[in-house]
Protein backbone atom coordinates (compact mmCIF):
# COMPACT_ATOMS: atom_id res chain seq x y z
CA MET A 1 84.44 119.07 -8.27
CA ASN A 2 87.25 120.98 -5.62
CA VAL A 3 87.06 121.00 -2.30
CA SER A 4 89.51 121.42 1.13
CA ALA A 5 88.86 118.61 2.82
CA PRO A 6 87.77 115.23 1.76
CA LEU A 7 84.74 114.62 0.86
CA ARG A 8 81.73 113.10 3.47
CA THR A 9 78.60 112.11 3.05
CA MET A 10 75.44 112.64 4.73
CA SER A 11 74.72 110.50 7.92
CA ALA A 12 71.31 109.70 8.71
CA ALA A 13 71.37 111.95 11.68
CA GLN A 14 71.84 115.23 9.49
CA ALA A 15 68.14 116.47 8.73
CA VAL A 16 67.43 118.07 5.32
CA GLU A 17 67.07 121.50 5.08
CA HIS A 18 63.80 123.08 3.21
CA PHE A 19 63.29 126.70 2.73
CA ASP A 20 60.63 127.89 0.79
CA VAL A 21 63.42 129.64 -2.04
CA LEU A 22 66.80 128.69 -2.53
CA ILE A 23 69.14 131.46 -3.97
CA VAL A 24 72.21 130.59 -6.04
CA GLY A 25 74.88 132.92 -5.70
CA ALA A 26 76.04 135.96 -3.46
CA GLY A 27 77.21 138.87 -6.20
CA ILE A 28 75.44 141.31 -7.00
CA SER A 29 72.28 139.33 -8.46
CA GLY A 30 71.84 137.08 -5.26
CA ILE A 31 72.04 139.86 -2.59
CA GLY A 32 69.55 142.21 -4.53
CA SER A 33 67.37 139.36 -5.05
CA ALA A 34 68.07 138.46 -1.11
CA TYR A 35 66.85 142.02 -0.32
CA HIS A 36 63.77 142.12 -2.41
CA LEU A 37 62.58 139.12 -1.05
CA THR A 38 62.58 139.94 2.50
CA LYS A 39 60.87 143.31 1.82
CA GLN A 40 58.28 142.31 -0.80
CA LEU A 41 57.52 138.74 0.46
CA PRO A 42 57.99 138.70 4.48
CA GLY A 43 58.25 135.77 6.57
CA THR A 44 59.17 133.55 3.37
CA SER A 45 62.36 131.02 4.03
CA PHE A 46 65.28 131.00 2.37
CA VAL A 47 69.19 130.67 2.49
CA VAL A 48 71.70 131.97 -0.18
CA LEU A 49 74.47 129.60 -1.10
CA GLU A 50 77.56 130.90 -2.93
CA GLU A 51 80.53 128.97 -3.98
CA GLN A 52 83.36 131.29 -2.74
CA GLU A 53 84.92 132.15 0.62
CA SER A 54 82.61 135.86 0.68
CA PHE A 55 79.59 137.69 -0.95
CA GLY A 56 80.63 139.86 -3.98
CA GLY A 57 80.91 137.12 -6.93
CA THR A 58 82.34 139.39 -9.92
CA TRP A 59 83.73 141.70 -7.52
CA LEU A 60 85.70 139.07 -5.46
CA THR A 61 86.62 136.77 -8.04
CA HIS A 62 88.89 139.38 -9.93
CA LYS A 63 91.82 140.82 -8.12
CA TYR A 64 93.73 142.13 -10.76
CA PRO A 65 95.26 145.97 -10.67
CA GLY A 66 92.69 148.41 -10.78
CA ILE A 67 88.96 146.17 -10.87
CA ARG A 68 86.60 148.62 -11.29
CA SER A 69 82.85 148.81 -12.72
CA ASP A 70 82.45 149.71 -16.49
CA SER A 71 78.86 151.11 -15.67
CA ASP A 72 78.36 153.76 -13.80
CA LEU A 73 77.25 152.66 -10.01
CA HIS A 74 74.06 155.15 -10.12
CA THR A 75 72.53 152.65 -12.44
CA PHE A 76 74.35 149.73 -11.15
CA GLY A 77 73.81 150.16 -7.74
CA TYR A 78 69.89 149.00 -6.48
CA ARG A 79 67.86 151.45 -7.14
CA PHE A 80 66.89 151.15 -3.04
CA LYS A 81 70.18 152.00 -1.97
CA PRO A 82 71.53 155.75 -3.01
CA TRP A 83 75.54 155.66 -4.24
CA VAL A 84 76.93 158.41 -3.07
CA GLY A 85 80.84 157.86 -4.93
CA PRO A 86 82.10 158.64 -7.81
CA PRO A 87 80.09 156.70 -10.83
CA ILE A 88 82.74 154.26 -11.99
CA ALA A 89 83.82 152.67 -8.69
CA THR A 90 86.82 150.07 -7.57
CA ALA A 91 86.19 146.57 -6.47
CA ASP A 92 86.75 147.26 -2.81
CA GLU A 93 84.07 150.38 -2.98
CA ILE A 94 81.41 148.12 -4.78
CA ARG A 95 81.79 145.40 -2.03
CA ALA A 96 81.61 147.93 1.08
CA TYR A 97 78.58 149.17 -0.40
CA MET A 98 76.76 145.63 -0.87
CA SER A 99 78.09 144.86 2.72
CA GLU A 100 76.08 147.90 4.14
CA VAL A 101 73.26 146.28 1.89
CA ILE A 102 73.77 143.02 3.87
CA ASP A 103 74.52 144.71 7.23
CA GLU A 104 71.51 147.18 7.04
CA ASN A 105 68.51 144.25 6.06
CA ASP A 106 70.23 141.29 8.33
CA LEU A 107 70.80 139.25 5.37
CA ALA A 108 73.93 137.72 6.95
CA ARG A 109 72.42 135.14 8.65
CA HIS A 110 70.59 134.12 5.56
CA ILE A 111 74.12 133.18 3.53
CA ARG A 112 76.18 130.05 3.51
CA TYR A 113 79.45 130.57 1.93
CA ARG A 114 82.04 127.73 0.47
CA HIS A 115 78.98 125.66 -0.83
CA ARG A 116 79.20 124.33 -3.79
CA ILE A 117 76.36 122.86 -5.75
CA ASN A 118 76.98 119.73 -7.32
CA SER A 119 73.35 119.25 -8.22
CA ALA A 120 70.01 120.30 -8.22
CA LYS A 121 66.84 117.49 -9.02
CA TRP A 122 63.07 118.56 -9.55
CA SER A 123 60.28 115.76 -8.26
CA SER A 124 56.73 116.28 -9.51
CA GLU A 125 55.69 114.49 -6.72
CA THR A 126 56.56 116.51 -3.78
CA ASN A 127 56.92 119.86 -6.17
CA ARG A 128 60.28 120.70 -4.61
CA TRP A 129 64.06 120.85 -6.07
CA THR A 130 66.89 119.04 -3.93
CA VAL A 131 70.10 120.59 -3.80
CA GLU A 132 73.14 118.48 -3.31
CA ALA A 133 76.27 120.98 -1.98
CA VAL A 134 79.22 120.28 -0.46
CA ASP A 135 80.26 122.63 2.53
CA GLN A 136 83.96 123.13 1.21
CA ALA A 137 84.99 123.94 4.58
CA SER A 138 83.94 120.66 6.51
CA GLY A 139 83.79 118.51 3.44
CA GLU A 140 80.77 117.53 4.18
CA ALA A 141 77.66 116.79 2.04
CA ARG A 142 74.53 118.80 2.35
CA ILE A 143 71.06 118.29 1.07
CA PHE A 144 68.63 121.01 0.76
CA THR A 145 65.18 121.07 -0.53
CA ALA A 146 62.82 124.19 -1.51
CA ASN A 147 60.18 124.92 -3.12
CA PHE A 148 61.59 127.36 -5.57
CA LEU A 149 64.75 127.89 -7.25
CA TRP A 150 66.42 131.26 -7.53
CA MET A 151 69.66 131.21 -9.99
CA CYS A 152 71.78 134.33 -9.34
CA GLN A 153 75.01 132.97 -10.29
CA GLY A 154 76.02 134.98 -12.78
CA TYR A 155 76.85 133.80 -16.62
CA TYR A 156 80.84 132.55 -16.57
CA ARG A 157 83.16 130.09 -14.43
CA HIS A 158 84.50 131.88 -11.56
CA SER A 159 87.08 128.85 -11.15
CA GLU A 160 89.13 130.07 -14.56
CA GLY A 161 88.79 132.63 -17.29
CA TYR A 162 89.01 132.02 -21.18
CA THR A 163 92.63 131.76 -22.99
CA PRO A 164 93.10 130.50 -26.39
CA GLU A 165 95.71 127.70 -27.15
CA TRP A 166 98.40 129.27 -29.35
CA GLN A 167 101.51 127.48 -30.66
CA GLY A 168 104.53 127.86 -28.61
CA MET A 169 102.89 128.90 -25.26
CA ALA A 170 105.10 125.63 -23.73
CA ASP A 171 108.48 127.26 -25.28
CA TYR A 172 107.83 130.47 -23.57
CA LYS A 173 109.95 131.38 -20.83
CA GLY A 174 108.06 134.06 -18.72
CA ARG A 175 104.91 133.94 -16.60
CA ILE A 176 101.24 133.97 -18.54
CA ILE A 177 98.82 135.31 -16.54
CA HIS A 178 94.49 135.67 -17.04
CA PRO A 179 93.50 138.55 -15.07
CA GLN A 180 90.46 136.49 -13.26
CA ARG A 181 93.56 134.59 -11.22
CA TRP A 182 96.30 137.34 -10.66
CA PRO A 183 98.95 136.04 -8.40
CA GLU A 184 99.38 138.16 -5.22
CA ASP A 185 103.23 137.54 -5.40
CA LEU A 186 103.50 139.50 -9.33
CA ASP A 187 106.48 142.01 -9.24
CA LEU A 188 105.94 144.29 -12.46
CA SER A 189 109.10 146.34 -11.76
CA GLY A 190 111.46 146.45 -14.52
CA LYS A 191 109.43 144.07 -16.61
CA LYS A 192 108.36 144.54 -20.10
CA VAL A 193 104.13 143.27 -20.34
CA VAL A 194 102.12 142.32 -23.16
CA VAL A 195 98.13 142.20 -22.81
CA ILE A 196 96.23 140.28 -25.33
CA GLY A 197 92.83 142.18 -25.46
CA SER A 198 91.21 144.90 -26.06
CA GLY A 199 88.13 144.54 -23.83
CA ALA A 200 87.12 146.35 -20.49
CA THR A 201 89.45 143.91 -18.54
CA ALA A 202 92.31 145.49 -20.94
CA ALA A 203 91.29 149.08 -20.65
CA THR A 204 91.42 149.37 -16.74
CA LEU A 205 94.41 146.47 -16.43
CA ILE A 206 96.77 148.61 -18.51
CA PRO A 207 96.82 152.46 -17.08
CA ALA A 208 96.68 150.72 -13.86
CA ILE A 209 100.48 148.84 -14.16
CA ALA A 210 101.81 151.42 -16.54
CA ASP A 211 103.58 153.29 -13.59
CA LYS A 212 104.74 149.71 -12.23
CA CYS A 213 106.28 148.16 -15.43
CA GLU A 214 109.13 149.46 -17.47
CA HIS A 215 106.45 148.93 -20.63
CA VAL A 216 102.71 147.67 -21.62
CA THR A 217 101.72 146.92 -24.74
CA MET A 218 97.94 146.21 -25.86
CA LEU A 219 98.01 143.62 -28.46
CA GLN A 220 94.77 143.41 -29.79
CA ARG A 221 93.03 141.23 -32.99
CA SER A 222 90.93 143.94 -33.65
CA PRO A 223 89.78 147.75 -31.66
CA THR A 224 87.16 148.00 -29.38
CA TYR A 225 85.12 151.22 -28.74
CA PHE A 226 85.87 153.44 -26.07
CA ARG A 227 83.85 155.87 -24.19
CA THR A 228 85.81 158.71 -22.18
CA GLY A 229 84.18 161.48 -19.82
CA ARG A 230 85.40 162.83 -16.15
CA ASN A 231 84.35 160.21 -13.62
CA ALA A 232 81.93 162.54 -11.97
CA ILE A 233 78.37 163.24 -13.08
CA GLU A 234 77.81 166.71 -13.04
CA LEU A 235 74.10 166.66 -12.60
CA ALA A 236 74.68 164.63 -8.99
CA GLU A 237 77.54 167.57 -7.97
CA GLN A 238 74.95 170.20 -8.60
CA LEU A 239 71.95 168.74 -6.50
CA ARG A 240 74.69 167.89 -3.97
CA GLN A 241 75.23 171.49 -3.78
CA LEU A 242 71.65 172.57 -3.29
CA GLN A 243 71.92 170.00 -0.36
CA VAL A 244 68.77 167.90 -2.09
CA LYS A 245 68.20 164.14 -0.01
CA GLU A 246 70.78 161.50 -1.42
CA GLU A 247 67.38 158.94 -2.09
CA TRP A 248 66.56 162.34 -4.61
CA ILE A 249 69.59 162.28 -6.12
CA HIS A 250 70.06 159.06 -6.67
CA GLU A 251 66.64 158.25 -8.25
CA ILE A 252 66.97 161.98 -10.29
CA VAL A 253 70.59 161.29 -11.51
CA ARG A 254 69.52 157.35 -12.57
CA ARG A 255 66.58 158.73 -14.63
CA LYS A 256 68.80 161.33 -16.83
CA ILE A 257 71.57 158.65 -17.04
CA LEU A 258 69.17 155.96 -17.86
CA PHE A 259 67.49 157.91 -20.91
CA ASP A 260 70.31 159.23 -22.02
CA GLN A 261 71.78 155.96 -22.07
CA ASP A 262 68.74 154.45 -23.34
CA LEU A 263 69.38 157.79 -26.69
CA PHE A 264 72.83 156.80 -27.38
CA THR A 265 71.83 153.16 -27.83
CA ARG A 266 68.68 154.22 -30.37
CA LEU A 267 70.88 156.16 -32.10
CA SER A 268 73.77 153.90 -32.39
CA PHE A 269 71.02 151.64 -34.76
CA THR A 270 69.56 154.51 -36.12
CA GLU A 271 72.26 156.69 -37.06
CA PRO A 272 75.85 154.87 -36.36
CA GLU A 273 78.08 156.63 -38.35
CA LYS A 274 77.13 159.63 -35.97
CA ILE A 275 77.82 157.55 -32.86
CA LYS A 276 80.76 156.46 -34.39
CA GLN A 277 82.28 159.47 -34.69
CA GLU A 278 81.52 160.76 -31.65
CA LEU A 279 83.30 158.00 -29.95
CA LEU A 280 85.82 158.37 -31.93
CA ASN A 281 86.46 162.30 -31.03
CA GLY A 282 86.38 161.65 -27.78
CA ILE A 283 89.49 159.32 -27.94
CA ARG A 284 90.91 161.57 -30.35
CA ALA A 285 90.48 164.53 -27.77
CA ALA A 286 92.00 162.42 -25.29
CA LEU A 287 95.58 161.08 -27.50
CA GLY A 288 95.71 164.86 -28.46
CA PRO A 289 96.86 166.88 -31.71
CA GLY A 290 98.26 164.69 -34.37
CA SER A 291 96.69 160.93 -33.23
CA ASP A 292 94.52 161.05 -36.01
CA ASP A 293 96.78 157.42 -37.48
CA ILE A 294 96.93 156.35 -34.39
CA VAL A 295 92.78 156.46 -34.00
CA GLU A 296 92.41 155.07 -37.32
CA LYS A 297 94.47 152.24 -37.29
CA HIS A 298 93.89 150.78 -32.96
CA PHE A 299 91.16 152.77 -32.06
CA THR A 300 88.26 152.47 -35.21
CA PRO A 301 86.30 149.05 -35.34
CA LYS A 302 84.94 147.77 -38.13
CA TYR A 303 81.60 146.93 -36.62
CA ARG A 304 78.94 149.44 -35.57
CA PRO A 305 78.64 150.85 -32.02
CA TRP A 306 76.93 149.09 -29.72
CA ARG A 307 77.27 145.42 -31.71
CA GLN A 308 79.60 144.85 -28.63
CA ARG A 309 79.80 146.35 -25.44
CA ILE A 310 81.38 149.83 -24.90
CA ALA A 311 83.46 150.06 -21.78
CA PHE A 312 84.01 153.71 -20.22
CA VAL A 313 87.22 154.89 -19.54
CA PRO A 314 87.13 157.29 -16.67
CA ASP A 315 89.31 160.61 -17.32
CA ALA A 316 90.37 158.88 -20.24
CA ASP A 317 93.19 157.01 -18.46
CA LEU A 318 94.11 154.22 -20.64
CA PHE A 319 94.47 157.07 -23.32
CA GLU A 320 96.88 158.70 -21.32
CA ALA A 321 99.08 156.13 -20.38
CA VAL A 322 99.50 155.71 -24.34
CA LYS A 323 99.82 159.51 -24.72
CA SER A 324 102.57 158.71 -22.33
CA GLY A 325 104.55 156.75 -24.07
CA LYS A 326 103.93 154.39 -21.07
CA ALA A 327 101.60 151.95 -22.95
CA SER A 328 101.51 151.39 -26.82
CA VAL A 329 98.98 149.66 -28.84
CA VAL A 330 100.19 147.31 -31.33
CA THR A 331 96.82 146.06 -33.94
CA ASP A 332 97.69 142.64 -35.52
CA GLU A 333 97.33 138.34 -35.00
CA ILE A 334 99.24 136.33 -33.36
CA ASP A 335 101.68 133.87 -35.17
CA ARG A 336 103.00 131.88 -32.27
CA PHE A 337 104.71 132.26 -28.87
CA THR A 338 108.16 132.18 -28.15
CA LYS A 339 110.68 132.08 -25.85
CA ASP A 340 110.74 135.51 -25.65
CA GLY A 341 108.00 136.77 -26.34
CA ILE A 342 105.27 136.98 -28.92
CA LEU A 343 105.68 136.29 -32.95
CA LEU A 344 102.88 138.41 -34.57
CA LYS A 345 101.88 137.11 -38.27
CA SER A 346 103.26 140.84 -39.70
CA GLY A 347 106.94 138.95 -38.78
CA GLU A 348 107.12 141.64 -36.22
CA THR A 349 108.36 140.24 -32.74
CA LEU A 350 107.09 141.80 -29.01
CA GLU A 351 109.11 140.57 -26.32
CA ALA A 352 107.65 139.93 -23.18
CA ASP A 353 108.80 139.27 -19.82
CA ILE A 354 104.91 138.62 -18.77
CA ILE A 355 102.03 138.15 -20.84
CA VAL A 356 98.24 138.78 -19.39
CA THR A 357 95.59 137.19 -21.39
CA ALA A 358 92.65 139.72 -21.00
CA THR A 359 91.11 137.07 -24.05
CA GLY A 360 87.29 136.77 -21.80
CA PHE A 361 85.22 134.26 -19.47
CA ASN A 362 84.34 130.53 -19.94
CA LEU A 363 80.69 130.60 -20.25
CA ASN A 364 78.74 128.56 -17.68
CA VAL A 365 75.73 127.69 -18.35
CA LEU A 366 73.62 127.91 -14.66
CA GLY A 367 76.38 126.90 -12.18
CA ASP A 368 77.80 124.34 -13.91
CA ILE A 369 75.04 122.17 -12.23
CA ALA A 370 73.93 118.87 -13.09
CA PHE A 371 69.78 119.23 -13.19
CA GLU A 372 67.38 116.84 -13.78
CA ILE A 373 63.85 116.83 -13.90
CA ASP A 374 61.80 113.74 -12.21
CA GLY A 375 64.86 111.72 -13.14
CA LYS A 376 65.94 113.00 -16.66
CA PRO A 377 68.85 114.98 -17.31
CA LEU A 378 68.43 118.71 -17.92
CA ASP A 379 69.69 120.33 -21.38
CA PHE A 380 69.01 124.23 -21.45
CA SER A 381 69.61 124.33 -24.79
CA ASP A 382 66.22 122.00 -25.21
CA THR A 383 64.14 125.07 -23.27
CA VAL A 384 62.82 128.30 -25.17
CA THR A 385 63.41 130.81 -22.70
CA TYR A 386 60.27 133.10 -21.19
CA ARG A 387 61.72 136.81 -21.18
CA GLY A 388 65.38 135.52 -20.27
CA MET A 389 64.07 134.53 -16.79
CA MET A 390 62.63 131.26 -16.63
CA PHE A 391 62.21 128.18 -19.20
CA THR A 392 60.00 126.32 -20.72
CA GLY A 393 59.31 122.55 -19.13
CA ILE A 394 61.57 123.63 -16.19
CA PRO A 395 59.19 124.00 -12.91
CA ASN A 396 60.06 126.57 -9.82
CA MET A 397 62.63 128.08 -11.26
CA ALA A 398 64.10 131.70 -12.25
CA TRP A 399 67.06 133.21 -13.67
CA VAL A 400 69.09 137.04 -13.20
CA PHE A 401 70.88 137.33 -16.70
CA GLY A 402 71.07 141.29 -16.85
CA TYR A 403 71.93 144.05 -19.45
CA PHE A 404 74.82 143.76 -21.65
CA ARG A 405 73.84 147.79 -22.94
CA ALA A 406 73.24 148.87 -19.57
CA SER A 407 74.02 148.08 -15.99
CA TRP A 408 73.54 144.15 -14.73
CA THR A 409 71.48 145.41 -11.63
CA LEU A 410 68.76 147.06 -13.39
CA ARG A 411 67.63 143.67 -14.16
CA THR A 412 67.83 142.38 -11.02
CA ASP A 413 65.38 144.52 -9.26
CA LEU A 414 63.16 143.92 -12.47
CA VAL A 415 63.53 140.41 -12.11
CA ALA A 416 63.38 140.44 -8.04
CA ASP A 417 59.60 142.30 -8.63
CA PHE A 418 58.61 139.54 -11.46
CA VAL A 419 59.45 136.53 -8.94
CA CYS A 420 58.01 137.70 -5.74
CA ARG A 421 54.71 138.78 -7.55
CA LEU A 422 54.82 135.32 -9.20
CA LEU A 423 55.53 134.01 -5.91
CA ALA A 424 52.54 135.94 -4.19
CA HIS A 425 50.18 134.78 -7.14
CA MET A 426 51.28 131.12 -6.80
CA LYS A 427 50.27 131.02 -3.02
CA GLU A 428 46.85 132.91 -3.52
CA LYS A 429 46.18 130.14 -6.06
CA GLY A 430 47.07 127.53 -3.74
CA ALA A 431 49.39 126.77 -6.57
CA LYS A 432 53.01 124.35 -5.62
CA LYS A 433 54.03 124.58 -9.10
CA VAL A 434 54.53 127.12 -12.60
CA VAL A 435 55.93 125.84 -15.15
CA PRO A 436 56.33 128.18 -18.43
CA ALA A 437 55.65 126.59 -21.74
CA LEU A 438 54.58 127.25 -25.30
CA ARG A 439 50.91 128.21 -26.12
CA PRO A 440 49.05 125.93 -28.69
CA GLN A 441 49.29 128.61 -31.23
CA GLU A 442 52.89 128.57 -31.31
CA GLY A 443 54.13 125.24 -31.63
CA ASN A 444 55.71 125.73 -35.12
CA MET A 445 57.27 129.07 -33.62
CA PRO A 446 60.85 129.35 -35.38
CA LEU A 447 63.04 129.08 -32.86
CA HIS A 448 66.81 131.21 -32.61
CA SER A 449 69.60 131.01 -30.59
CA TRP A 450 69.70 132.74 -27.16
CA ILE A 451 71.10 136.17 -28.79
CA ASP A 452 70.64 137.54 -31.91
CA PRO A 453 74.19 137.97 -33.51
CA GLU A 454 73.59 140.75 -35.88
CA ASN A 455 71.98 142.85 -32.50
CA PHE A 456 75.31 141.64 -29.82
CA ASN A 457 77.91 139.24 -30.83
CA PRO A 458 80.80 139.51 -28.20
CA GLY A 459 83.46 136.61 -28.69
CA TYR A 460 82.49 135.04 -24.86
CA MET A 461 78.81 134.84 -25.79
CA MET A 462 79.39 133.49 -29.49
CA ARG A 463 81.75 130.59 -28.49
CA ASN A 464 79.09 128.91 -26.24
CA MET A 465 75.72 129.94 -27.83
CA HIS A 466 75.35 126.00 -28.71
CA LEU A 467 74.62 125.88 -24.60
CA LEU A 468 71.68 128.26 -24.01
CA PRO A 469 68.51 127.99 -24.16
CA LYS A 470 66.69 129.47 -27.33
CA ARG A 471 64.58 132.49 -28.07
CA GLY A 472 61.65 132.62 -30.65
CA ASP A 473 59.84 135.22 -32.85
CA LYS A 474 57.65 136.98 -29.81
CA PRO A 475 58.72 139.68 -27.16
CA GLU A 476 57.72 137.36 -24.36
CA TRP A 477 59.62 133.97 -25.88
CA GLN A 478 62.82 136.26 -25.88
CA HIS A 479 65.69 137.79 -23.73
CA SER A 480 65.46 141.18 -24.76
CA GLN A 481 68.28 143.96 -23.95
CA ASP A 482 66.13 146.94 -23.66
CA TYR A 483 65.50 148.12 -20.30
CA TRP A 484 63.38 151.31 -21.36
CA ALA A 485 61.00 148.88 -22.67
CA GLU A 486 61.12 146.24 -19.91
CA LYS A 487 60.61 148.24 -17.17
CA ASP A 488 57.23 148.44 -18.13
CA GLU A 489 56.33 144.93 -19.91
CA ILE A 490 57.93 143.34 -16.67
CA PRO A 491 55.45 144.99 -14.08
CA ALA A 492 52.56 144.16 -17.01
CA ILE A 493 53.16 140.54 -17.11
CA ASP A 494 49.52 139.00 -17.15
CA LEU A 495 50.79 135.74 -14.63
CA ASP A 496 47.34 133.93 -15.91
CA ASP A 497 48.64 133.91 -19.10
CA PRO A 498 48.35 130.30 -20.92
CA ALA A 499 52.23 130.76 -21.18
CA PHE A 500 52.33 130.08 -17.30
CA VAL A 501 51.13 126.48 -16.37
CA TYR A 502 50.06 126.15 -12.64
CA GLU A 503 49.58 123.16 -10.76
């Protein structure tokens, strides 16, 4: 546990604070959920606890050069607040947008920053959660109770990224850096840089530093799919020329993008070769004539499109860096680190003054918080998910887990609608407790991993799948990745279905 001052236990004079709802996290999910709570259930008391020093979550944690969204902001932005900038936005632009949401809706007074939650305990005697946190500014313990817990903390550990252990790392004389902890004092001028990885982080970082260092090499074990295009939405530009209201533009453009994304995703399953060639042709066009061999070797994955996330490369900046010679791509496996760089299994050596490990996240399960239900430690892998939002046997708790194939925030809005409707329904019934439960006929339902690896299998999920809840073989006991279906299914959930047990 990291605190900035010695931990001081709570004195008897310090009161326990009680709220109707406690929201964990002030990132894109937590701020959106707080907004919906104030609008849909006015008068509900709530607090938002955030471990970092400010709001933003991902967009505060990551400070590496070029940090930007890889989802368009017309859909990554909230449905209730129009986005008026370029569709692919920087972290600063996204935080400025979130700041406006906080200011316009008086949310700041509800947020407690630098509050690290250590434990959350449910009592069936009181039908309340007791949340123990540390105010890291003062080092004092804080205790909160809440009727309902709304988990909006994301899915990866903000304190550290994932870096594999390679032989010889201790012998390397240069700097090894994970993008999640980018040092402010790093001088890239005249340096040879190797970026290990081929996902959205590498694709963002490489063009951002290509002009600042002597040369940058993307070292990948296997290729990734990318999409290219202008960092602009033609439809939005046309509507603005017609002086259409931004609220209308926001809704029209969102619907168009979502329709196109849904069609693209479905075709990636039904006509994967067609989608594959469409993606590769975009890269060939960006690299120019004579690039067939490069595309075949370095940008043609072995898996079908959308089995892993497809990163968008605005204005083809990654490929422009490669085309210019400022960046290069090597597809090979690491044998070991040497004092001067990396020895590959092919026998080639990559010299490097700086090695950046853009190798992914460390998944955490609901904030690495120690959960208990009536004194018994909770293991989430023993539960079954209800539509990726609630869990069997866990009372009065919801989790926001977004989409992989669409913008995360789309699900933030949908889950918020569901939670607010559920809370209103409980109040109407006079219920103090709700627990998802398998129905009698589902006692022998086959259970599987949270995500079907045949459907979606990025490394950061596969490494830690054993920690996550199980899924069943029916739609309500699965975490769907289909926004186009869920936008109709989630609002239609019958809250009196036997899957919800009220007390």
